[in-house]
């Protein structure tokens, strides 16, 4: 009972941020919390099923649980990221890599999985470069009608990110245009689970 009380007293003196860091340091001893693993296929003339590991060390592949991870690319080498839908709900994630003659093509089981991988890779690229660049293609600024027709042509039910819902109440013909520029938004803290 005294040991339990002593342990709680150690944590009671910590600030919230210190407590969170202590939790993650403890958790890191039991689980790989700094990397994501995706079961997918590499497409380079032939298809090979691998576990793709995305983490701070770059993009690596595991062909078996006993093998050492093989580095496919570091984030500083990535120049472009594209997601292409395939038949039967599958998708291909193409990574343009500096110095490589062709893009690294990764076949995933769904478009949502490919988009999640692309977003994670882009996030690591931005962290390494201090948010100076974005590997994902820029969202083109089309007028509302062109955006609607493009959205209806390319909309995927499988996708769980990048959904757009046009709101007519914000745009009145001939009236003032309301909006906030992305560079005017600053993230101070994250509330909730995100």
N, C-alpha and C. Protein backbone atom coordinates (compact mmCIF):
# COMPACT_ATOMS: atom_id res chain seq x y z
N UNK A 1 0.83 -1.19 0.00
CA UNK A 1 0.00 0.00 0.00
C UNK A 1 0.88 1.26 0.00
N UNK A 2 1.97 1.23 0.77
CA UNK A 2 2.87 2.37 0.82
C UNK A 2 3.53 2.61 -0.53
N UNK A 3 3.87 1.52 -1.24
CA UNK A 3 4.49 1.67 -2.57
C UNK A 3 3.53 2.35 -3.54
N UNK A 4 2.26 1.98 -3.48
CA UNK A 4 1.27 2.59 -4.36
C UNK A 4 1.12 4.07 -4.04
N UNK A 5 1.08 4.40 -2.76
CA UNK A 5 0.96 5.81 -2.35
C UNK A 5 2.18 6.61 -2.79
N UNK A 6 3.38 6.02 -2.66
CA UNK A 6 4.60 6.71 -3.08
C UNK A 6 4.59 6.97 -4.58
N UNK A 7 4.12 5.98 -5.34
CA UNK A 7 4.06 6.14 -6.80
C UNK A 7 3.11 7.27 -7.17
N UNK A 8 1.93 7.31 -6.54
CA UNK A 8 0.98 8.39 -6.82
C UNK A 8 1.53 9.74 -6.41
N UNK A 9 2.28 9.80 -5.34
CA UNK A 9 2.87 11.07 -4.90
C UNK A 9 3.90 11.57 -5.91
N UNK A 10 4.63 10.65 -6.55
CA UNK A 10 5.59 11.04 -7.59
C UNK A 10 4.87 11.73 -8.75
N UNK A 11 3.72 11.19 -9.13
CA UNK A 11 2.98 11.75 -10.26
C UNK A 11 2.20 13.00 -9.87
N UNK A 12 1.81 13.11 -8.63
CA UNK A 12 1.01 14.26 -8.18
C UNK A 12 1.78 15.57 -8.30
N UNK A 13 3.10 15.51 -8.19
CA UNK A 13 3.90 16.73 -8.26
C UNK A 13 4.22 17.16 -9.69
N UNK A 14 3.90 16.31 -10.67
CA UNK A 14 4.21 16.62 -12.06
C UNK A 14 3.16 17.55 -12.67
N UNK A 15 3.62 18.41 -13.58
CA UNK A 15 2.68 19.21 -14.38
C UNK A 15 2.04 18.29 -15.41
N UNK A 16 0.98 18.77 -16.04
CA UNK A 16 0.24 17.94 -16.99
C UNK A 16 1.13 17.47 -18.14
N UNK A 17 1.94 18.38 -18.71
CA UNK A 17 2.82 18.03 -19.83
C UNK A 17 3.85 16.99 -19.41
N UNK A 18 4.40 17.14 -18.20
CA UNK A 18 5.38 16.19 -17.70
C UNK A 18 4.76 14.81 -17.49
N UNK A 19 3.53 14.80 -17.02
CA UNK A 19 2.82 13.55 -16.81
C UNK A 19 2.58 12.83 -18.14
N UNK A 20 2.19 13.58 -19.15
CA UNK A 20 1.96 12.99 -20.48
C UNK A 20 3.27 12.43 -21.03
N UNK A 21 4.36 13.17 -20.90
CA UNK A 21 5.66 12.69 -21.40
C UNK A 21 6.11 11.43 -20.66
N UNK A 22 5.90 11.39 -19.36
CA UNK A 22 6.26 10.21 -18.56
C UNK A 22 5.44 9.01 -19.04
N UNK A 23 4.14 9.23 -19.30
CA UNK A 23 3.29 8.15 -19.80
C UNK A 23 3.81 7.61 -21.12
N UNK A 24 4.13 8.51 -22.08
CA UNK A 24 4.61 8.05 -23.38
C UNK A 24 5.97 7.37 -23.28
N UNK A 25 6.84 7.84 -22.41
CA UNK A 25 8.13 7.18 -22.21
C UNK A 25 7.95 5.78 -21.66
N UNK A 26 7.00 5.62 -20.74
CA UNK A 26 6.70 4.29 -20.20
C UNK A 26 6.09 3.40 -21.27
N UNK A 27 5.14 3.94 -22.02
CA UNK A 27 4.47 3.18 -23.08
C UNK A 27 5.45 2.75 -24.17
N UNK A 28 6.44 3.59 -24.46
CA UNK A 28 7.41 3.27 -25.51
C UNK A 28 8.21 2.01 -25.18
N UNK A 29 8.31 1.66 -23.91
CA UNK A 29 8.99 0.43 -23.53
C UNK A 29 8.22 -0.83 -23.89
N UNK A 30 6.93 -0.68 -24.17
CA UNK A 30 6.08 -1.84 -24.46
C UNK A 30 5.57 -1.89 -25.89
N UNK A 31 5.49 -0.75 -26.54
CA UNK A 31 4.90 -0.69 -27.88
C UNK A 31 5.65 0.32 -28.75
N UNK A 32 5.63 0.10 -30.05
CA UNK A 32 6.23 1.04 -31.00
C UNK A 32 5.24 2.16 -31.26
N UNK A 33 5.32 3.21 -30.46
CA UNK A 33 4.37 4.31 -30.60
C UNK A 33 4.86 5.39 -31.56
N UNK A 34 6.10 5.27 -32.01
CA UNK A 34 6.66 6.31 -32.88
C UNK A 34 6.67 5.90 -34.35
N UNK A 35 5.95 4.83 -34.69
CA UNK A 35 5.90 4.42 -36.09
C UNK A 35 4.57 3.74 -36.39
N UNK A 36 4.19 3.81 -37.66
CA UNK A 36 2.98 3.16 -38.15
C UNK A 36 3.39 2.06 -39.12
N UNK A 37 2.70 0.94 -39.07
CA UNK A 37 2.99 -0.17 -39.97
C UNK A 37 1.76 -0.44 -40.83
N UNK A 38 1.97 -0.53 -42.14
CA UNK A 38 0.89 -0.78 -43.09
C UNK A 38 1.22 -2.03 -43.90
N UNK A 39 0.26 -2.94 -44.03
CA UNK A 39 0.42 -4.11 -44.90
C UNK A 39 0.02 -3.67 -46.30
N UNK A 40 0.94 -3.76 -47.26
CA UNK A 40 0.67 -3.29 -48.61
C UNK A 40 1.58 -4.01 -49.60
N UNK A 41 1.49 -3.62 -50.87
CA UNK A 41 2.31 -4.22 -51.92
C UNK A 41 3.19 -3.16 -52.56
N UNK A 42 4.46 -3.49 -52.75
CA UNK A 42 5.35 -2.62 -53.52
C UNK A 42 5.23 -3.03 -54.98
N UNK A 43 5.08 -2.05 -55.86
CA UNK A 43 4.92 -2.32 -57.28
C UNK A 43 6.14 -1.79 -58.01
N UNK A 44 7.03 -2.67 -58.39
CA UNK A 44 8.23 -2.30 -59.15
C UNK A 44 8.48 -3.38 -60.20
N UNK A 45 7.61 -3.48 -61.18
CA UNK A 45 7.72 -4.53 -62.19
C UNK A 45 7.04 -5.81 -61.73
N UNK A 46 7.13 -6.09 -60.44
CA UNK A 46 6.42 -7.21 -59.83
C UNK A 46 5.85 -6.71 -58.50
N UNK A 47 4.87 -7.43 -57.99
CA UNK A 47 4.25 -7.02 -56.72
C UNK A 47 4.81 -7.87 -55.59
N UNK A 48 5.25 -7.23 -54.53
CA UNK A 48 5.75 -7.94 -53.36
C UNK A 48 5.02 -7.39 -52.13
N UNK A 49 4.42 -8.29 -51.35
CA UNK A 49 3.69 -7.88 -50.15
C UNK A 49 4.68 -7.66 -49.01
N UNK A 50 4.59 -6.49 -48.39
CA UNK A 50 5.50 -6.12 -47.31
C UNK A 50 4.73 -5.40 -46.21
N UNK A 51 5.37 -5.27 -45.07
CA UNK A 51 4.90 -4.36 -44.04
C UNK A 51 5.70 -3.08 -44.22
N UNK A 52 5.02 -2.00 -44.54
CA UNK A 52 5.67 -0.71 -44.73
C UNK A 52 5.66 0.02 -43.39
N UNK A 53 6.84 0.40 -42.91
CA UNK A 53 6.97 1.06 -41.61
C UNK A 53 7.30 2.53 -41.86
N UNK A 54 6.44 3.41 -41.37
CA UNK A 54 6.65 4.86 -41.51
C UNK A 54 6.86 5.43 -40.12
N UNK A 55 8.02 6.02 -39.93
CA UNK A 55 8.37 6.58 -38.62
C UNK A 55 9.47 7.61 -38.77
N UNK A 56 10.03 8.08 -37.66
CA UNK A 56 11.04 9.15 -37.73
C UNK A 56 12.30 8.76 -38.50
N UNK A 57 12.56 7.47 -38.67
CA UNK A 57 13.75 7.02 -39.40
C UNK A 57 13.53 6.98 -40.91
N UNK A 58 12.31 7.24 -41.36
CA UNK A 58 12.01 7.24 -42.78
C UNK A 58 10.98 6.17 -43.12
N UNK A 59 10.96 5.81 -44.41
CA UNK A 59 10.04 4.79 -44.91
C UNK A 59 10.85 3.52 -45.09
N UNK A 60 10.46 2.47 -44.38
CA UNK A 60 11.20 1.23 -44.42
C UNK A 60 10.26 0.08 -44.72
N UNK A 61 10.83 -1.03 -45.19
CA UNK A 61 10.01 -2.21 -45.47
C UNK A 61 10.48 -3.38 -44.64
N UNK A 62 9.52 -4.20 -44.24
CA UNK A 62 9.79 -5.46 -43.56
C UNK A 62 9.18 -6.57 -44.40
N UNK A 63 9.99 -7.52 -44.84
CA UNK A 63 9.45 -8.64 -45.62
C UNK A 63 9.03 -9.79 -44.71
N UNK A 64 9.62 -9.85 -43.51
CA UNK A 64 9.22 -10.84 -42.51
C UNK A 64 9.49 -10.26 -41.12
N UNK A 65 8.89 -10.87 -40.12
CA UNK A 65 9.03 -10.35 -38.76
C UNK A 65 10.47 -10.46 -38.24
N UNK A 66 11.23 -11.44 -38.74
CA UNK A 66 12.60 -11.66 -38.28
C UNK A 66 13.62 -10.77 -38.98
N UNK A 67 13.26 -10.24 -40.14
CA UNK A 67 14.20 -9.46 -40.95
C UNK A 67 14.40 -8.06 -40.38
N UNK A 68 15.56 -7.49 -40.70
CA UNK A 68 15.81 -6.09 -40.33
C UNK A 68 15.10 -5.19 -41.34
N UNK A 69 14.58 -4.05 -40.91
CA UNK A 69 13.91 -3.15 -41.85
C UNK A 69 14.89 -2.61 -42.90
N UNK A 70 14.44 -2.56 -44.14
CA UNK A 70 15.22 -2.01 -45.24
C UNK A 70 14.71 -0.61 -45.54
N UNK A 71 15.60 0.36 -45.56
CA UNK A 71 15.21 1.75 -45.81
C UNK A 71 14.89 1.94 -47.30
N UNK A 72 13.68 2.39 -47.59
CA UNK A 72 13.29 2.70 -48.96
C UNK A 72 13.53 4.16 -49.29
N UNK A 73 13.30 5.03 -48.31
CA UNK A 73 13.49 6.47 -48.54
C UNK A 73 13.52 7.21 -47.21
N UNK A 74 14.30 8.27 -47.19
CA UNK A 74 14.26 9.20 -46.06
C UNK A 74 13.34 10.35 -46.47
N UNK A 75 12.78 11.02 -45.51
CA UNK A 75 11.79 12.06 -45.81
C UNK A 75 12.39 13.23 -46.59
N UNK A 76 13.67 13.51 -46.39
CA UNK A 76 14.30 14.61 -47.12
C UNK A 76 14.43 14.31 -48.62
N UNK A 77 14.30 13.02 -49.01
CA UNK A 77 14.41 12.63 -50.41
C UNK A 77 13.08 12.73 -51.16
N UNK A 78 11.98 12.83 -50.45
CA UNK A 78 10.65 12.79 -51.09
C UNK A 78 10.34 14.15 -51.70
N UNK A 79 10.01 14.13 -52.99
CA UNK A 79 9.71 15.35 -53.74
C UNK A 79 8.23 15.50 -54.07
N UNK A 80 7.50 14.39 -54.18
CA UNK A 80 6.07 14.48 -54.50
C UNK A 80 5.33 13.26 -53.96
N UNK A 81 4.03 13.45 -53.72
CA UNK A 81 3.16 12.39 -53.23
C UNK A 81 1.86 12.44 -54.02
N UNK A 82 1.44 11.28 -54.54
CA UNK A 82 0.17 11.21 -55.29
C UNK A 82 -0.60 9.97 -54.87
N UNK A 83 -1.91 10.09 -54.75
CA UNK A 83 -2.81 8.96 -54.49
C UNK A 83 -3.68 8.75 -55.72
N UNK A 84 -3.70 7.53 -56.23
CA UNK A 84 -4.50 7.22 -57.41
C UNK A 84 -5.45 6.07 -57.09
N UNK A 85 -6.75 6.25 -57.30
CA UNK A 85 -7.69 5.15 -57.04
C UNK A 85 -7.56 4.06 -58.10
N UNK A 86 -7.76 2.81 -57.69
CA UNK A 86 -7.77 1.66 -58.59
C UNK A 86 -9.15 1.01 -58.54
N UNK A 87 -9.28 -0.08 -59.29
CA UNK A 87 -10.53 -0.83 -59.26
C UNK A 87 -10.67 -1.55 -57.92
N UNK A 88 -11.88 -1.95 -57.60
CA UNK A 88 -12.21 -2.70 -56.39
C UNK A 88 -11.84 -1.95 -55.10
N UNK A 89 -11.83 -0.62 -55.15
CA UNK A 89 -11.59 0.17 -53.95
C UNK A 89 -10.14 0.31 -53.54
N UNK A 90 -9.23 -0.36 -54.25
CA UNK A 90 -7.81 -0.25 -53.91
C UNK A 90 -7.24 1.07 -54.43
N UNK A 91 -6.00 1.37 -54.04
CA UNK A 91 -5.37 2.61 -54.47
C UNK A 91 -3.86 2.42 -54.57
N UNK A 92 -3.23 3.35 -55.28
CA UNK A 92 -1.77 3.36 -55.39
C UNK A 92 -1.27 4.69 -54.85
N UNK A 93 -0.28 4.61 -53.98
CA UNK A 93 0.40 5.79 -53.46
C UNK A 93 1.73 5.88 -54.19
N UNK A 94 1.96 6.99 -54.90
CA UNK A 94 3.21 7.17 -55.64
C UNK A 94 4.05 8.24 -54.96
N UNK A 95 5.29 7.87 -54.63
CA UNK A 95 6.22 8.80 -53.99
C UNK A 95 7.34 9.13 -54.96
N UNK A 96 7.45 10.39 -55.34
CA UNK A 96 8.57 10.84 -56.16
C UNK A 96 9.78 11.02 -55.26
N UNK A 97 10.84 10.27 -55.53
CA UNK A 97 12.02 10.28 -54.67
C UNK A 97 13.20 10.85 -55.44
N UNK A 98 13.90 11.78 -54.81
CA UNK A 98 15.06 12.44 -55.41
C UNK A 98 16.11 11.40 -55.80
N UNK A 99 16.56 11.47 -57.06
CA UNK A 99 17.60 10.58 -57.54
C UNK A 99 17.11 9.23 -58.04
N UNK A 100 15.84 8.91 -57.85
CA UNK A 100 15.29 7.63 -58.31
C UNK A 100 14.74 7.80 -59.71
N UNK A 101 14.98 6.83 -60.61
CA UNK A 101 14.50 6.96 -61.98
C UNK A 101 12.97 6.90 -62.10
N UNK A 102 12.31 6.22 -61.16
CA UNK A 102 10.86 6.15 -61.19
C UNK A 102 10.30 6.29 -59.78
N UNK A 103 9.02 6.59 -59.70
CA UNK A 103 8.37 6.79 -58.40
C UNK A 103 8.26 5.47 -57.67
N UNK A 104 8.30 5.53 -56.35
CA UNK A 104 8.04 4.37 -55.52
C UNK A 104 6.53 4.20 -55.47
N UNK A 105 6.02 3.08 -55.98
CA UNK A 105 4.58 2.84 -56.05
C UNK A 105 4.18 1.82 -55.01
N UNK A 106 3.18 2.18 -54.21
CA UNK A 106 2.71 1.35 -53.11
C UNK A 106 1.22 1.11 -53.30
N UNK A 107 0.82 -0.16 -53.42
CA UNK A 107 -0.59 -0.51 -53.60
C UNK A 107 -1.20 -0.79 -52.23
N UNK A 108 -2.32 -0.11 -51.94
CA UNK A 108 -2.99 -0.27 -50.65
C UNK A 108 -4.38 -0.87 -50.85
N UNK A 109 -4.97 -1.33 -49.76
CA UNK A 109 -6.28 -1.98 -49.85
C UNK A 109 -7.42 -0.99 -50.02
N UNK A 110 -7.18 0.30 -49.72
CA UNK A 110 -8.24 1.30 -49.88
C UNK A 110 -7.64 2.68 -50.15
N UNK A 111 -8.45 3.55 -50.72
CA UNK A 111 -8.02 4.92 -50.96
C UNK A 111 -7.79 5.65 -49.63
N UNK A 112 -8.63 5.36 -48.65
CA UNK A 112 -8.48 6.00 -47.33
C UNK A 112 -7.12 5.66 -46.72
N UNK A 113 -6.69 4.41 -46.85
CA UNK A 113 -5.38 4.01 -46.30
C UNK A 113 -4.25 4.73 -47.04
N UNK A 114 -4.35 4.84 -48.36
CA UNK A 114 -3.33 5.54 -49.14
C UNK A 114 -3.27 7.01 -48.75
N UNK A 115 -4.43 7.64 -48.55
CA UNK A 115 -4.47 9.05 -48.16
C UNK A 115 -3.91 9.25 -46.75
N UNK A 116 -4.19 8.32 -45.85
CA UNK A 116 -3.64 8.41 -44.50
C UNK A 116 -2.12 8.29 -44.52
N UNK A 117 -1.60 7.36 -45.35
CA UNK A 117 -0.15 7.21 -45.48
C UNK A 117 0.46 8.49 -46.07
N UNK A 118 -0.19 9.04 -47.09
CA UNK A 118 0.31 10.26 -47.73
C UNK A 118 0.35 11.41 -46.73
N UNK A 119 -0.68 11.53 -45.93
CA UNK A 119 -0.74 12.61 -44.94
C UNK A 119 0.34 12.43 -43.88
N UNK A 120 0.57 11.20 -43.44
CA UNK A 120 1.61 10.92 -42.45
C UNK A 120 3.00 11.23 -43.01
N UNK A 121 3.26 10.78 -44.23
CA UNK A 121 4.56 11.04 -44.87
C UNK A 121 4.77 12.54 -45.06
N UNK A 122 3.73 13.23 -45.52
CA UNK A 122 3.84 14.68 -45.70
C UNK A 122 4.11 15.38 -44.37
N UNK A 123 3.47 14.91 -43.31
CA UNK A 123 3.71 15.50 -41.99
C UNK A 123 5.15 15.34 -41.55
N UNK A 124 5.73 14.16 -41.77
CA UNK A 124 7.15 13.96 -41.43
C UNK A 124 8.04 14.85 -42.29
N UNK A 125 7.71 14.98 -43.58
CA UNK A 125 8.51 15.85 -44.47
C UNK A 125 8.47 17.29 -43.96
N UNK A 126 7.30 17.74 -43.56
CA UNK A 126 7.17 19.12 -43.07
C UNK A 126 7.88 19.31 -41.74
N UNK A 127 7.86 18.30 -40.88
CA UNK A 127 8.59 18.39 -39.61
C UNK A 127 10.09 18.53 -39.84
N UNK A 128 10.61 17.74 -40.78
CA UNK A 128 12.05 17.78 -41.06
C UNK A 128 12.46 19.10 -41.68
N UNK A 129 11.61 19.66 -42.51
CA UNK A 129 11.96 20.90 -43.21
C UNK A 129 11.43 22.14 -42.51
N UNK A 130 10.92 22.00 -41.31
CA UNK A 130 10.39 23.16 -40.59
C UNK A 130 9.20 23.77 -41.29
N UNK A 131 8.35 22.95 -41.89
CA UNK A 131 7.13 23.37 -42.60
C UNK A 131 7.42 24.31 -43.76
N UNK A 132 8.61 24.22 -44.35
CA UNK A 132 8.94 25.07 -45.50
C UNK A 132 8.34 24.56 -46.79
N UNK A 133 8.02 23.26 -46.83
CA UNK A 133 7.47 22.71 -48.06
C UNK A 133 6.35 21.75 -47.75
N UNK A 134 5.61 21.43 -48.78
CA UNK A 134 4.50 20.52 -48.68
C UNK A 134 4.63 19.55 -49.84
N UNK A 135 4.74 18.24 -49.57
CA UNK A 135 4.92 17.26 -50.64
C UNK A 135 3.61 16.90 -51.32
N UNK A 136 2.50 17.14 -50.63
CA UNK A 136 1.20 16.87 -51.24
C UNK A 136 0.90 17.93 -52.28
N UNK A 137 0.15 17.58 -53.32
CA UNK A 137 -0.20 18.60 -54.31
C UNK A 137 -1.04 19.69 -53.69
N UNK A 138 -0.84 20.92 -54.16
CA UNK A 138 -1.60 22.05 -53.64
C UNK A 138 -3.05 21.95 -54.12
N UNK A 139 -3.97 22.39 -53.29
CA UNK A 139 -5.37 22.40 -53.66
C UNK A 139 -5.59 23.59 -54.58
N UNK A 140 -6.04 23.33 -55.83
CA UNK A 140 -6.22 24.45 -56.76
C UNK A 140 -7.39 25.33 -56.35
N UNK A 141 -7.24 26.63 -56.59
CA UNK A 141 -8.29 27.58 -56.25
C UNK A 141 -9.20 27.77 -57.47
N UNK A 142 -10.20 26.92 -57.60
CA UNK A 142 -11.15 27.02 -58.69
C UNK A 142 -12.38 27.77 -58.20
N UNK A 143 -13.18 28.27 -59.15
CA UNK A 143 -14.42 28.91 -58.70
C UNK A 143 -15.38 27.83 -58.19
N UNK A 144 -16.44 28.24 -57.53
CA UNK A 144 -17.33 27.31 -56.83
C UNK A 144 -17.93 26.27 -57.77
N UNK A 145 -18.39 26.67 -58.97
CA UNK A 145 -19.00 25.72 -59.90
C UNK A 145 -17.99 24.69 -60.38
N UNK A 146 -16.77 25.13 -60.69
CA UNK A 146 -15.73 24.19 -61.14
C UNK A 146 -15.37 23.24 -60.01
N UNK A 147 -15.32 23.73 -58.77
CA UNK A 147 -15.01 22.87 -57.62
C UNK A 147 -16.10 21.83 -57.44
N UNK A 148 -17.37 22.24 -57.60
CA UNK A 148 -18.47 21.30 -57.44
C UNK A 148 -18.41 20.18 -58.47
N UNK A 149 -18.18 20.54 -59.73
CA UNK A 149 -18.14 19.50 -60.77
C UNK A 149 -16.93 18.60 -60.57
N UNK A 150 -15.78 19.17 -60.17
CA UNK A 150 -14.59 18.37 -59.92
C UNK A 150 -14.81 17.44 -58.73
N UNK A 151 -15.48 17.95 -57.68
CA UNK A 151 -15.74 17.16 -56.49
C UNK A 151 -16.67 16.00 -56.80
N UNK A 152 -17.72 16.23 -57.59
CA UNK A 152 -18.65 15.15 -57.89
C UNK A 152 -18.01 14.10 -58.78
N UNK A 153 -17.04 14.49 -59.64
CA UNK A 153 -16.35 13.52 -60.49
C UNK A 153 -15.36 12.69 -59.70
N UNK A 154 -14.65 13.31 -58.75
CA UNK A 154 -13.55 12.61 -58.09
C UNK A 154 -13.85 12.18 -56.67
N UNK A 155 -15.07 12.39 -56.19
CA UNK A 155 -15.40 12.06 -54.81
C UNK A 155 -15.38 10.55 -54.60
N UNK A 156 -14.78 10.12 -53.51
CA UNK A 156 -14.71 8.71 -53.19
C UNK A 156 -15.38 8.46 -51.85
N UNK A 157 -16.24 7.48 -51.81
CA UNK A 157 -16.90 7.13 -50.55
C UNK A 157 -15.88 6.51 -49.60
N UNK A 158 -14.84 5.87 -50.15
CA UNK A 158 -13.81 5.23 -49.33
C UNK A 158 -12.97 6.22 -48.56
N UNK A 159 -12.85 7.44 -49.04
CA UNK A 159 -11.94 8.42 -48.44
C UNK A 159 -12.49 8.91 -47.11
N UNK A 160 -11.61 8.95 -46.08
CA UNK A 160 -12.06 9.46 -44.79
C UNK A 160 -11.41 10.79 -44.45
N UNK A 161 -10.64 11.36 -45.40
CA UNK A 161 -10.07 12.69 -45.19
C UNK A 161 -10.26 13.49 -46.47
N UNK A 162 -10.04 14.76 -46.40
CA UNK A 162 -10.14 15.67 -47.54
C UNK A 162 -11.54 15.73 -48.12
N UNK A 163 -12.57 15.67 -47.29
CA UNK A 163 -13.94 15.82 -47.78
C UNK A 163 -14.29 17.30 -47.77
N UNK A 164 -15.05 17.72 -48.78
CA UNK A 164 -15.46 19.12 -48.86
C UNK A 164 -16.97 19.18 -48.92
N UNK A 165 -17.55 20.04 -48.12
CA UNK A 165 -18.99 20.26 -48.12
C UNK A 165 -19.22 21.72 -48.46
N UNK A 166 -19.68 22.01 -49.68
CA UNK A 166 -19.92 23.41 -50.04
C UNK A 166 -21.04 23.99 -49.19
N UNK A 167 -20.86 25.22 -48.74
CA UNK A 167 -21.85 25.90 -47.91
C UNK A 167 -22.30 27.17 -48.61
N UNK A 168 -23.53 27.16 -49.10
CA UNK A 168 -24.06 28.29 -49.85
C UNK A 168 -24.30 29.51 -48.97
N UNK A 169 -24.45 29.29 -47.65
CA UNK A 169 -24.73 30.43 -46.77
C UNK A 169 -23.54 31.36 -46.65
N UNK A 170 -22.33 30.88 -46.90
CA UNK A 170 -21.15 31.72 -46.79
C UNK A 170 -20.90 32.54 -48.06
N UNK A 171 -21.48 32.13 -49.17
CA UNK A 171 -21.23 32.81 -50.44
C UNK A 171 -22.55 33.36 -50.98
N UNK A 172 -22.69 34.65 -50.94
CA UNK A 172 -23.86 35.29 -51.52
C UNK A 172 -23.43 36.01 -52.78
N UNK A 173 -24.13 35.79 -53.91
CA UNK A 173 -23.75 36.48 -55.13
C UNK A 173 -23.80 37.99 -54.94
N UNK A 174 -22.73 38.66 -55.29
CA UNK A 174 -22.66 40.11 -55.19
C UNK A 174 -22.41 40.61 -53.78
N UNK A 175 -22.47 39.74 -52.80
CA UNK A 175 -22.26 40.15 -51.41
C UNK A 175 -20.80 39.96 -51.01
N UNK A 176 -20.49 40.32 -49.78
CA UNK A 176 -19.11 40.18 -49.32
C UNK A 176 -18.70 38.70 -49.21
N UNK A 177 -17.43 38.44 -49.45
CA UNK A 177 -16.89 37.09 -49.35
C UNK A 177 -16.22 36.94 -47.98
N UNK A 178 -16.62 35.91 -47.25
CA UNK A 178 -16.07 35.69 -45.92
C UNK A 178 -15.10 34.51 -45.96
N UNK A 179 -14.03 34.60 -45.20
CA UNK A 179 -13.07 33.51 -45.13
C UNK A 179 -11.87 33.91 -44.31
N UNK A 180 -11.08 32.92 -43.97
CA UNK A 180 -9.85 33.14 -43.21
C UNK A 180 -8.71 32.51 -44.00
N UNK A 181 -7.66 33.27 -44.22
CA UNK A 181 -6.48 32.75 -44.92
C UNK A 181 -5.77 31.75 -44.03
N UNK A 182 -5.26 30.67 -44.62
CA UNK A 182 -4.59 29.62 -43.86
C UNK A 182 -3.41 30.16 -43.06
N UNK A 183 -2.66 31.11 -43.63
CA UNK A 183 -1.49 31.64 -42.93
C UNK A 183 -1.86 32.50 -41.72
N UNK A 184 -3.15 32.87 -41.60
CA UNK A 184 -3.59 33.65 -40.44
C UNK A 184 -3.99 32.77 -39.25
N UNK A 185 -4.01 31.44 -39.45
CA UNK A 185 -4.43 30.52 -38.40
C UNK A 185 -3.19 29.97 -37.71
N UNK A 186 -3.15 30.07 -36.38
CA UNK A 186 -2.03 29.57 -35.58
C UNK A 186 -2.57 28.59 -34.56
N UNK A 187 -1.97 27.39 -34.48
CA UNK A 187 -2.38 26.37 -33.53
C UNK A 187 -1.66 26.60 -32.21
N UNK A 188 -2.41 26.89 -31.15
CA UNK A 188 -1.81 27.10 -29.83
C UNK A 188 -1.78 25.81 -29.03
N UNK A 189 -2.88 25.08 -29.02
CA UNK A 189 -2.91 23.80 -28.31
C UNK A 189 -4.02 22.95 -28.91
N UNK A 190 -3.92 21.65 -28.70
CA UNK A 190 -4.90 20.70 -29.21
C UNK A 190 -5.79 20.27 -28.06
N UNK A 191 -7.09 20.36 -28.27
CA UNK A 191 -8.05 19.94 -27.26
C UNK A 191 -8.68 18.64 -27.70
N UNK A 192 -8.88 17.72 -26.81
CA UNK A 192 -9.53 16.46 -27.14
C UNK A 192 -8.58 15.48 -27.78
N UNK A 193 -9.15 14.52 -28.49
CA UNK A 193 -8.36 13.43 -29.05
C UNK A 193 -7.96 13.66 -30.49
N UNK A 194 -8.40 14.73 -31.12
CA UNK A 194 -7.97 15.06 -32.47
C UNK A 194 -8.66 14.28 -33.54
